[in-house]
C-alpha atoms as a PDB file:
ATOM      1  CA  MET A   1      64.484 -52.703 -43.599  1.00  0.00           C
ATOM      2  CA  LYS A   2      66.053 -51.482 -40.361  1.00  0.00           C
ATOM      3  CA  LYS A   3      63.753 -49.936 -37.792  1.00  0.00           C
ATOM      4  CA  LYS A   4      64.057 -46.213 -37.160  1.00  0.00           C
ATOM      5  CA  THR A   5      64.170 -45.152 -33.532  1.00  0.00           C
ATOM      6  CA  SER A   6      63.822 -41.837 -31.796  1.00  0.00           C
ATOM      7  CA  GLU A   7      66.297 -40.550 -29.231  1.00  0.00           C
ATOM      8  CA  LYS A   8      63.748 -41.037 -26.447  1.00  0.00           C
ATOM      9  CA  THR A   9      63.559 -44.788 -27.033  1.00  0.00           C
ATOM     10  CA  MET A  10      67.199 -45.570 -27.820  1.00  0.00           C
ATOM     11  CA  ILE A  11      69.188 -48.072 -25.741  1.00  0.00           C
ATOM     12  CA  VAL A  12      72.475 -49.444 -27.111  1.00  0.00           C
ATOM     13  CA  ASP A  13      74.053 -52.719 -25.977  1.00  0.00           C
ATOM     14  CA  CYS A  14      77.723 -52.365 -26.886  1.00  0.00           C
ATOM     15  CA  HIS A  15      78.717 -56.013 -26.458  1.00  0.00           C
ATOM     16  CA  THR A  16      76.791 -59.060 -27.673  1.00  0.00           C
ATOM     17  CA  HIS A  17      77.699 -62.290 -29.477  1.00  0.00           C
ATOM     18  CA  PHE A  18      75.844 -64.487 -31.906  1.00  0.00           C
ATOM     19  CA  LEU A  19      76.383 -67.471 -34.149  1.00  0.00           C
ATOM     20  CA  PRO A  20      73.983 -66.680 -37.013  1.00  0.00           C
ATOM     21  CA  LEU A  21      72.046 -69.917 -37.141  1.00  0.00           C
ATOM     22  CA  PRO A  22      68.302 -70.671 -36.767  1.00  0.00           C
ATOM     23  CA  GLY A  23      66.796 -69.916 -33.362  1.00  0.00           C
ATOM     24  CA  ASN A  24      67.573 -66.223 -32.976  1.00  0.00           C
ATOM     25  CA  ASP A  25      67.899 -66.032 -29.194  1.00  0.00           C
ATOM     26  CA  LEU A  26      69.839 -62.769 -29.472  1.00  0.00           C
ATOM     27  CA  LEU A  27      67.140 -61.038 -31.496  1.00  0.00           C
ATOM     28  CA  LYS A  28      64.445 -62.252 -29.105  1.00  0.00           C
ATOM     29  CA  GLU A  29      66.409 -61.018 -26.094  1.00  0.00           C
ATOM     30  CA  LEU A  30      67.134 -57.622 -27.648  1.00  0.00           C
ATOM     31  CA  LYS A  31      63.436 -57.180 -28.368  1.00  0.00           C
ATOM     32  CA  ARG A  32      62.432 -58.292 -24.865  1.00  0.00           C
ATOM     33  CA  ALA A  33      64.897 -55.893 -23.243  1.00  0.00           C
ATOM     34  CA  LYS A  34      63.895 -53.080 -25.624  1.00  0.00           C
ATOM     35  CA  ILE A  35      67.440 -52.688 -26.924  1.00  0.00           C
ATOM     36  CA  THR A  36      67.275 -50.570 -30.066  1.00  0.00           C
ATOM     37  CA  HIS A  37      70.862 -51.085 -31.297  1.00  0.00           C
ATOM     38  CA  ALA A  38      73.455 -53.734 -30.491  1.00  0.00           C
ATOM     39  CA  VAL A  39      77.103 -54.305 -31.258  1.00  0.00           C
ATOM     40  CA  VAL A  40      77.264 -57.946 -32.317  1.00  0.00           C
ATOM     41  CA  MET A  41      80.285 -60.189 -32.752  1.00  0.00           C
ATOM     42  CA  ILE A  42      80.699 -63.805 -33.760  1.00  0.00           C
ATOM     43  CA  ILE A  43      80.947 -66.761 -31.464  1.00  0.00           C
ATOM     44  CA  PRO A  44      83.849 -68.532 -33.224  1.00  0.00           C
ATOM     45  CA  SER A  45      82.589 -71.817 -34.607  1.00  0.00           C
ATOM     46  CA  LYS A  46      85.842 -73.545 -33.592  1.00  0.00           C
ATOM     47  CA  ILE A  47      85.668 -72.493 -29.950  1.00  0.00           C
ATOM     48  CA  THR A  48      85.778 -75.385 -27.474  1.00  0.00           C
ATOM     49  CA  ILE A  49      85.352 -75.926 -23.742  1.00  0.00           C
ATOM     50  CA  THR A  50      88.178 -77.551 -21.769  1.00  0.00           C
ATOM     51  CA  LYS A  51      87.797 -80.129 -19.000  1.00  0.00           C
ATOM     52  CA  LYS A  52      88.189 -77.276 -16.525  1.00  0.00           C
ATOM     53  CA  GLY A  53      85.245 -75.480 -18.099  1.00  0.00           C
ATOM     54  CA  ASP A  54      87.285 -72.751 -19.799  1.00  0.00           C
ATOM     55  CA  TYR A  55      86.723 -71.599 -23.352  1.00  0.00           C
ATOM     56  CA  ALA A  56      89.590 -72.347 -25.746  1.00  0.00           C
ATOM     57  CA  LEU A  57      90.408 -71.487 -29.342  1.00  0.00           C
ATOM     58  CA  ASP A  58      93.400 -73.317 -30.787  1.00  0.00           C
ATOM     59  CA  ILE A  59      95.018 -71.166 -33.460  1.00  0.00           C
ATOM     60  CA  ASN A  60      95.895 -73.029 -36.647  1.00  0.00           C
ATOM     61  CA  ASP A  61      95.196 -72.640 -40.358  1.00  0.00           C
ATOM     62  CA  THR A  62      91.741 -74.204 -40.030  1.00  0.00           C
ATOM     63  CA  THR A  63      90.748 -71.949 -37.158  1.00  0.00           C
ATOM     64  CA  LEU A  64      91.986 -68.825 -38.912  1.00  0.00           C
ATOM     65  CA  LYS A  65      89.978 -69.710 -42.033  1.00  0.00           C
ATOM     66  CA  SER A  66      86.924 -70.366 -39.892  1.00  0.00           C
ATOM     67  CA  LEU A  67      87.191 -66.871 -38.382  1.00  0.00           C
ATOM     68  CA  GLU A  68      86.992 -65.490 -41.900  1.00  0.00           C
ATOM     69  CA  ASP A  69      83.942 -67.628 -42.695  1.00  0.00           C
ATOM     70  CA  ASP A  70      82.247 -66.781 -39.394  1.00  0.00           C
ATOM     71  CA  ASN A  71      82.633 -63.042 -39.945  1.00  0.00           C
ATOM     72  CA  CYS A  72      81.306 -63.269 -43.510  1.00  0.00           C
ATOM     73  CA  ARG A  73      78.317 -65.240 -42.244  1.00  0.00           C
ATOM     74  CA  LEU A  74      77.658 -62.596 -39.602  1.00  0.00           C
ATOM     75  CA  GLY A  75      77.889 -59.830 -42.192  1.00  0.00           C
ATOM     76  CA  LYS A  76      75.369 -61.465 -44.527  1.00  0.00           C
ATOM     77  CA  TRP A  77      73.004 -62.310 -41.673  1.00  0.00           C
ATOM     78  CA  SER A  78      73.100 -58.874 -40.011  1.00  0.00           C
ATOM     79  CA  LYS A  79      72.193 -57.153 -43.287  1.00  0.00           C
ATOM     80  CA  ASN A  80      69.046 -59.226 -43.646  1.00  0.00           C
ATOM     81  CA  VAL A  81      67.407 -59.087 -40.234  1.00  0.00           C
ATOM     82  CA  GLU A  82      64.943 -56.526 -38.951  1.00  0.00           C
ATOM     83  CA  ALA A  83      67.172 -55.157 -36.233  1.00  0.00           C
ATOM     84  CA  ASN A  84      69.689 -52.361 -35.798  1.00  0.00           C
ATOM     85  CA  LEU A  85      72.828 -54.459 -35.466  1.00  0.00           C
ATOM     86  CA  LEU A  86      76.356 -53.061 -35.466  1.00  0.00           C
ATOM     87  CA  PRO A  87      78.665 -55.939 -36.458  1.00  0.00           C
ATOM     88  CA  PHE A  88      82.295 -55.896 -35.315  1.00  0.00           C
ATOM     89  CA  ALA A  89      84.949 -58.052 -36.970  1.00  0.00           C
ATOM     90  CA  TRP A  90      86.594 -60.543 -34.597  1.00  0.00           C
ATOM     91  CA  LEU A  91      89.976 -61.031 -36.275  1.00  0.00           C
ATOM     92  CA  ASP A  92      93.454 -62.429 -35.685  1.00  0.00           C
ATOM     93  CA  TYR A  93      96.601 -60.726 -36.989  1.00  0.00           C
ATOM     94  CA  ARG A  94      97.760 -64.089 -38.406  1.00  0.00           C
ATOM     95  CA  MET A  95      94.835 -64.395 -40.834  1.00  0.00           C
ATOM     96  CA  LYS A  96      95.716 -64.269 -44.535  1.00  0.00           C
ATOM     97  CA  ASP A  97      95.356 -60.744 -46.034  1.00  0.00           C
ATOM     98  CA  VAL A  98      93.610 -59.749 -42.826  1.00  0.00           C
ATOM     99  CA  VAL A  99      93.820 -55.978 -43.363  1.00  0.00           C
ATOM    100  CA  SER A 100      92.159 -56.068 -46.774  1.00  0.00           C
ATOM    101  CA  PHE A 101      89.613 -58.579 -45.451  1.00  0.00           C
ATOM    102  CA  PHE A 102      88.738 -56.213 -42.616  1.00  0.00           C
ATOM    103  CA  GLU A 103      88.348 -53.293 -45.013  1.00  0.00           C
ATOM    104  CA  ASN A 104      86.033 -55.400 -47.166  1.00  0.00           C
ATOM    105  CA  LEU A 105      83.846 -56.167 -44.159  1.00  0.00           C
ATOM    106  CA  VAL A 106      83.534 -52.467 -43.341  1.00  0.00           C
ATOM    107  CA  VAL A 107      82.931 -51.289 -46.898  1.00  0.00           C
ATOM    108  CA  HIS A 108      80.700 -54.079 -48.224  1.00  0.00           C
ATOM    109  CA  TYR A 109      79.102 -55.581 -45.109  1.00  0.00           C
ATOM    110  CA  ASN A 110      78.728 -52.395 -43.073  1.00  0.00           C
ATOM    111  CA  PHE A 111      80.867 -53.607 -40.166  1.00  0.00           C
ATOM    112  CA  LYS A 112      81.243 -50.903 -37.550  1.00  0.00           C
ATOM    113  CA  GLY A 113      84.485 -51.866 -35.867  1.00  0.00           C
ATOM    114  CA  LEU A 114      87.272 -54.321 -35.017  1.00  0.00           C
ATOM    115  CA  LYS A 115      87.407 -56.817 -32.142  1.00  0.00           C
ATOM    116  CA  ILE A 116      90.691 -57.994 -30.585  1.00  0.00           C
ATOM    117  CA  HIS A 117      90.342 -60.876 -28.126  1.00  0.00           C
ATOM    118  CA  GLN A 118      93.588 -60.850 -26.178  1.00  0.00           C
ATOM    119  CA  VAL A 119      93.151 -64.300 -24.625  1.00  0.00           C
ATOM    120  CA  PHE A 120      92.511 -66.147 -27.893  1.00  0.00           C
ATOM    121  CA  ASN A 121      94.243 -63.952 -30.463  1.00  0.00           C
ATOM    122  CA  GLY A 122      97.246 -62.455 -28.702  1.00  0.00           C
ATOM    123  CA  PRO A 123      97.887 -59.240 -26.774  1.00  0.00           C
ATOM    124  CA  ALA A 124      96.860 -55.877 -28.169  1.00  0.00           C
ATOM    125  CA  ASP A 125     100.325 -54.675 -29.110  1.00  0.00           C
ATOM    126  CA  GLU A 126     102.464 -54.043 -32.195  1.00  0.00           C
ATOM    127  CA  ARG A 127     101.148 -57.249 -33.782  1.00  0.00           C
ATOM    128  CA  TYR A 128      97.890 -55.395 -34.372  1.00  0.00           C
ATOM    129  CA  TYR A 129      99.354 -52.111 -35.639  1.00  0.00           C
ATOM    130  CA  GLU A 130      98.367 -52.715 -39.261  1.00  0.00           C
ATOM    131  CA  LEU A 131      94.793 -53.652 -38.405  1.00  0.00           C
ATOM    132  CA  VAL A 132      94.366 -50.770 -35.973  1.00  0.00           C
ATOM    133  CA  ASN A 133      95.869 -48.382 -38.499  1.00  0.00           C
ATOM    134  CA  LYS A 134      93.208 -49.490 -40.989  1.00  0.00           C
ATOM    135  CA  ALA A 135      90.466 -49.096 -38.369  1.00  0.00           C
ATOM    136  CA  THR A 136      91.714 -45.564 -37.669  1.00  0.00           C
ATOM    137  CA  GLU A 137      91.807 -44.815 -41.384  1.00  0.00           C
ATOM    138  CA  LEU A 138      88.224 -46.104 -41.754  1.00  0.00           C
ATOM    139  CA  ASP A 139      87.184 -44.158 -38.630  1.00  0.00           C
ATOM    140  CA  VAL A 140      85.732 -47.153 -36.790  1.00  0.00           C
ATOM    141  CA  PRO A 141      86.394 -48.159 -33.152  1.00  0.00           C
ATOM    142  CA  VAL A 142      88.432 -51.086 -31.842  1.00  0.00           C
ATOM    143  CA  ILE A 143      86.979 -53.095 -28.953  1.00  0.00           C
ATOM    144  CA  ILE A 144      89.576 -55.018 -26.944  1.00  0.00           C
ATOM    145  CA  HIS A 145      88.848 -57.885 -24.582  1.00  0.00           C
ATOM    146  CA  THR A 146      90.255 -57.558 -21.060  1.00  0.00           C
ATOM    147  CA  GLY A 147      90.105 -59.965 -18.152  1.00  0.00           C
ATOM    148  CA  PHE A 148      89.735 -63.655 -17.304  1.00  0.00           C
ATOM    149  CA  ARG A 149      93.238 -64.813 -18.273  1.00  0.00           C
ATOM    150  CA  GLU A 150      96.633 -63.537 -19.339  1.00  0.00           C
ATOM    151  CA  PRO A 151      97.564 -61.646 -21.462  1.00  0.00           C
ATOM    152  CA  ALA A 152      94.264 -59.714 -21.363  1.00  0.00           C
ATOM    153  CA  TYR A 153      95.631 -56.686 -19.509  1.00  0.00           C
ATOM    154  CA  ALA A 154      93.889 -53.333 -19.739  1.00  0.00           C
ATOM    155  CA  GLN A 155      97.291 -51.635 -19.870  1.00  0.00           C
ATOM    156  CA  ASN A 156      97.890 -53.165 -23.317  1.00  0.00           C
ATOM    157  CA  ILE A 157      95.187 -50.904 -24.702  1.00  0.00           C
ATOM    158  CA  GLY A 158      97.380 -47.965 -23.771  1.00  0.00           C
ATOM    159  CA  ILE A 159     100.019 -49.234 -26.210  1.00  0.00           C
ATOM    160  CA  LEU A 160      97.600 -48.899 -29.114  1.00  0.00           C
ATOM    161  CA  ALA A 161      95.948 -45.724 -27.808  1.00  0.00           C
ATOM    162  CA  SER A 162      99.367 -44.019 -27.663  1.00  0.00           C
ATOM    163  CA  GLN A 163     100.468 -45.275 -31.069  1.00  0.00           C
ATOM    164  CA  PHE A 164      97.166 -44.238 -32.671  1.00  0.00           C
ATOM    165  CA  PRO A 165      95.972 -41.055 -30.916  1.00  0.00           C
ATOM    166  CA  GLN A 166      93.315 -40.522 -33.602  1.00  0.00           C
ATOM    167  CA  GLY A 167      91.971 -44.040 -33.080  1.00  0.00           C
ATOM    168  CA  LYS A 168      88.958 -44.894 -30.937  1.00  0.00           C
ATOM    169  CA  PHE A 169      89.253 -47.766 -28.477  1.00  0.00           C
ATOM    170  CA  ILE A 170      86.819 -49.603 -26.217  1.00  0.00           C
ATOM    171  CA  CYS A 171      88.086 -51.443 -23.150  1.00  0.00           C
ATOM    172  CA  ALA A 172      85.702 -54.384 -22.860  1.00  0.00           C
ATOM    173  CA  HIS A 173      84.134 -55.677 -19.644  1.00  0.00           C
ATOM    174  CA  LEU A 174      85.591 -53.519 -16.813  1.00  0.00           C
ATOM    175  CA  LEU A 175      86.165 -56.788 -14.956  1.00  0.00           C
ATOM    176  CA  GLU A 176      88.195 -56.395 -11.773  1.00  0.00           C
ATOM    177  CA  GLU A 177      90.354 -59.423 -10.917  1.00  0.00           C
ATOM    178  CA  PHE A 178      93.226 -59.833  -8.494  1.00  0.00           C
ATOM    179  CA  GLY A 179      96.526 -60.051 -10.336  1.00  0.00           C
ATOM    180  CA  LEU A 180      95.109 -59.110 -13.737  1.00  0.00           C
ATOM    181  CA  ASN A 181      93.111 -55.864 -13.828  1.00  0.00           C
ATOM    182  CA  ASN A 182      91.771 -53.738 -11.004  1.00  0.00           C
ATOM    183  CA  LYS A 183      90.067 -50.386 -10.612  1.00  0.00           C
ATOM    184  CA  SER A 184      93.353 -48.472 -10.540  1.00  0.00           C
ATOM    185  CA  ASP A 185      94.365 -49.997 -13.895  1.00  0.00           C
ATOM    186  CA  PHE A 186      91.163 -48.774 -15.526  1.00  0.00           C
ATOM    187  CA  LEU A 187      91.457 -45.321 -13.958  1.00  0.00           C
ATOM    188  CA  ARG A 188      95.075 -45.031 -15.093  1.00  0.00           C
ATOM    189  CA  LEU A 189      94.086 -46.006 -18.630  1.00  0.00           C
ATOM    190  CA  ALA A 190      91.288 -43.433 -18.590  1.00  0.00           C
ATOM    191  CA  ASN A 191      93.502 -40.671 -17.204  1.00  0.00           C
ATOM    192  CA  ASN A 192      96.313 -41.299 -19.681  1.00  0.00           C
ATOM    193  CA  HIS A 193      94.260 -41.801 -22.844  1.00  0.00           C
ATOM    194  CA  ASP A 194      91.294 -39.664 -23.842  1.00  0.00           C
ATOM    195  CA  ASN A 195      90.561 -41.914 -26.819  1.00  0.00           C
ATOM    196  CA  VAL A 196      89.529 -44.946 -24.744  1.00  0.00           C
ATOM    197  CA  TYR A 197      85.930 -45.794 -23.796  1.00  0.00           C
ATOM    198  CA  PHE A 198      84.934 -48.411 -21.225  1.00  0.00           C
ATOM    199  CA  GLU A 199      82.227 -51.033 -21.764  1.00  0.00           C
ATOM    200  CA  CYS A 200      80.780 -52.252 -18.460  1.00  0.00           C
ATOM    201  CA  SER A 201      79.412 -55.764 -19.073  1.00  0.00           C
ATOM    202  CA  TYR A 202      81.080 -57.296 -15.992  1.00  0.00           C
ATOM    203  CA  VAL A 203      80.186 -54.517 -13.587  1.00  0.00           C
ATOM    204  CA  ARG A 204      77.422 -56.283 -11.690  1.00  0.00           C
ATOM    205  CA  HIS A 205      76.345 -53.851  -8.973  1.00  0.00           C
ATOM    206  CA  PRO A 206      74.870 -50.339  -9.326  1.00  0.00           C
ATOM    207  CA  ARG A 207      77.157 -49.082  -6.556  1.00  0.00           C
ATOM    208  CA  ARG A 208      80.256 -50.275  -8.402  1.00  0.00           C
ATOM    209  CA  LEU A 209      79.057 -48.615 -11.579  1.00  0.00           C
ATOM    210  CA  ARG A 210      78.615 -45.365  -9.676  1.00  0.00           C
ATOM    211  CA  GLU A 211      82.169 -45.594  -8.332  1.00  0.00           C
ATOM    212  CA  LEU A 212      83.620 -46.248 -11.779  1.00  0.00           C
ATOM    213  CA  THR A 213      81.503 -43.482 -13.282  1.00  0.00           C
ATOM    214  CA  GLU A 214      82.893 -41.050 -10.732  1.00  0.00           C
ATOM    215  CA  GLY A 215      86.458 -42.110 -11.553  1.00  0.00           C
ATOM    216  CA  ILE A 216      86.262 -42.426 -15.327  1.00  0.00           C
ATOM    217  CA  GLY A 217      83.446 -40.050 -16.205  1.00  0.00           C
ATOM    218  CA  SER A 218      79.988 -40.909 -17.502  1.00  0.00           C
ATOM    219  CA  HIS A 219      80.925 -39.542 -20.942  1.00  0.00           C
ATOM    220  CA  ARG A 220      83.250 -42.516 -21.548  1.00  0.00           C
ATOM    221  CA  ILE A 221      81.269 -45.491 -20.224  1.00  0.00           C
ATOM    222  CA  LEU A 222      79.155 -47.704 -22.498  1.00  0.00           C
ATOM    223  CA  PHE A 223      76.471 -50.173 -21.481  1.00  0.00           C
ATOM    224  CA  GLY A 224      77.206 -53.747 -22.521  1.00  0.00           C
ATOM    225  CA  SER A 225      75.873 -57.168 -21.545  1.00  0.00           C
ATOM    226  CA  ASP A 226      78.258 -59.651 -23.248  1.00  0.00           C
ATOM    227  CA  PHE A 227      75.187 -61.751 -24.095  1.00  0.00           C
ATOM    228  CA  PRO A 228      75.081 -64.755 -23.866  1.00  0.00           C
ATOM    229  CA  PHE A 229      78.386 -65.219 -21.968  1.00  0.00           C
ATOM    230  CA  GLY A 230      77.957 -62.400 -19.457  1.00  0.00           C
ATOM    231  CA  ALA A 231      74.307 -61.588 -18.914  1.00  0.00           C
ATOM    232  CA  LYS A 232      71.725 -63.918 -20.398  1.00  0.00           C
ATOM    233  CA  ASP A 233      69.006 -61.552 -19.138  1.00  0.00           C
ATOM    234  CA  ILE A 234      69.809 -58.170 -20.685  1.00  0.00           C
ATOM    235  CA  LYS A 235      66.732 -56.546 -19.185  1.00  0.00           C
ATOM    236  CA  TRP A 236      68.000 -57.369 -15.696  1.00  0.00           C
ATOM    237  CA  ASP A 237      71.543 -56.297 -16.576  1.00  0.00           C
ATOM    238  CA  LEU A 238      70.211 -52.830 -17.424  1.00  0.00           C
ATOM    239  CA  THR A 239      69.328 -52.335 -13.753  1.00  0.00           C
ATOM    240  CA  LYS A 240      72.995 -51.750 -12.867  1.00  0.00           C
ATOM    241  CA  VAL A 241      72.611 -48.479 -14.780  1.00  0.00           C
ATOM    242  CA  LEU A 242      68.982 -47.714 -13.983  1.00  0.00           C
ATOM    243  CA  TRP A 243      69.450 -48.228 -10.227  1.00  0.00           C
ATOM    244  CA  ALA A 244      72.875 -46.583  -9.933  1.00  0.00           C
ATOM    245  CA  GLU A 245      73.025 -43.416  -7.838  1.00  0.00           C
ATOM    246  CA  ILE A 246      74.055 -41.215 -10.749  1.00  0.00           C
ATOM    247  CA  ASP A 247      72.032 -38.463 -12.350  1.00  0.00           C
ATOM    248  CA  HIS A 248      69.673 -38.938 -15.275  1.00  0.00           C
ATOM    249  CA  ALA A 249      72.057 -37.272 -17.712  1.00  0.00           C
ATOM    250  CA  ALA A 250      74.823 -39.751 -16.786  1.00  0.00           C
ATOM    251  CA  LYS A 251      72.482 -42.704 -17.277  1.00  0.00           C
ATOM    252  CA  GLU A 252      71.512 -41.437 -20.715  1.00  0.00           C
ATOM    253  CA  LYS A 253      75.168 -41.137 -21.689  1.00  0.00           C
ATOM    254  CA  ILE A 254      75.908 -44.702 -20.587  1.00  0.00           C
ATOM    255  CA  LEU A 255      72.774 -46.239 -22.105  1.00  0.00           C
ATOM    256  CA  TRP A 256      72.929 -44.571 -25.491  1.00  0.00           C
ATOM    257  CA  LYS A 257      74.378 -41.080 -25.960  1.00  0.00           C
ATOM    258  CA  ASN A 258      78.044 -42.103 -25.829  1.00  0.00           C
ATOM    259  CA  ALA A 259      77.408 -45.007 -28.207  1.00  0.00           C
ATOM    260  CA  ALA A 260      75.345 -42.848 -30.552  1.00  0.00           C
ATOM    261  CA  ALA A 261      78.246 -40.435 -30.895  1.00  0.00           C
ATOM    262  CA  LEU A 262      80.871 -43.175 -31.166  1.00  0.00           C
ATOM    263  CA  PHE A 263      78.990 -45.211 -33.773  1.00  0.00           C
ATOM    264  CA  LYS A 264      77.422 -42.216 -35.530  1.00  0.00           C
ATOM    265  CA  LEU A 265      73.872 -43.429 -34.987  1.00  0.00           C
END
């Protein structure tokens, strides 16, 4: 039985990860931080760490099958825990029958959206047209990883946002990096595409959040932590919103109102 929450107590974390095994650190952290709803995605079971300390996911038949298994495991787990979880399907366009698999996750496992990780699973371009078309048809959002390494450019989201004007897209992280994505890239994406939201897990300072809020608009920014990769302490990560010099109405939009509308909570 999922817990019912009132508007006054709602806080939505729009970016978390979990490998559904014993020792529910995510659930404990959500409870500690008083997060009422959370978008949750798999941690791919075949992910590895290189000698340089980078995460890697070699794409082959075994890995693609494991993504299918991981998402099914997440779907079964999320339906049977006492938490308001919003699972998103982390998929690769090269998976067998991936469009029908995605639809099955939405219809039978109550998945709330699609995840495209541009570093591990290729750029968000025409390769994902069929999957994004299905997400648009099912009226669920698409969250797209940006940052850290090529080809995770924010501008790629504009390709999909233009091709699917009725679709709903979330630019993940808002991470500013020299030579990859910067503030002007995010502002350009926001100005050119009304159907793109921005999840702020790698905005670390309240002042920076205020600046981005002024440029993008509070009605399109979503709180996210990227637990456990980004913020391991979600309660502390909330302070970038709570301490930002923006009005109370803007904070409410970022913490829950935008997500409530987007996810139909």
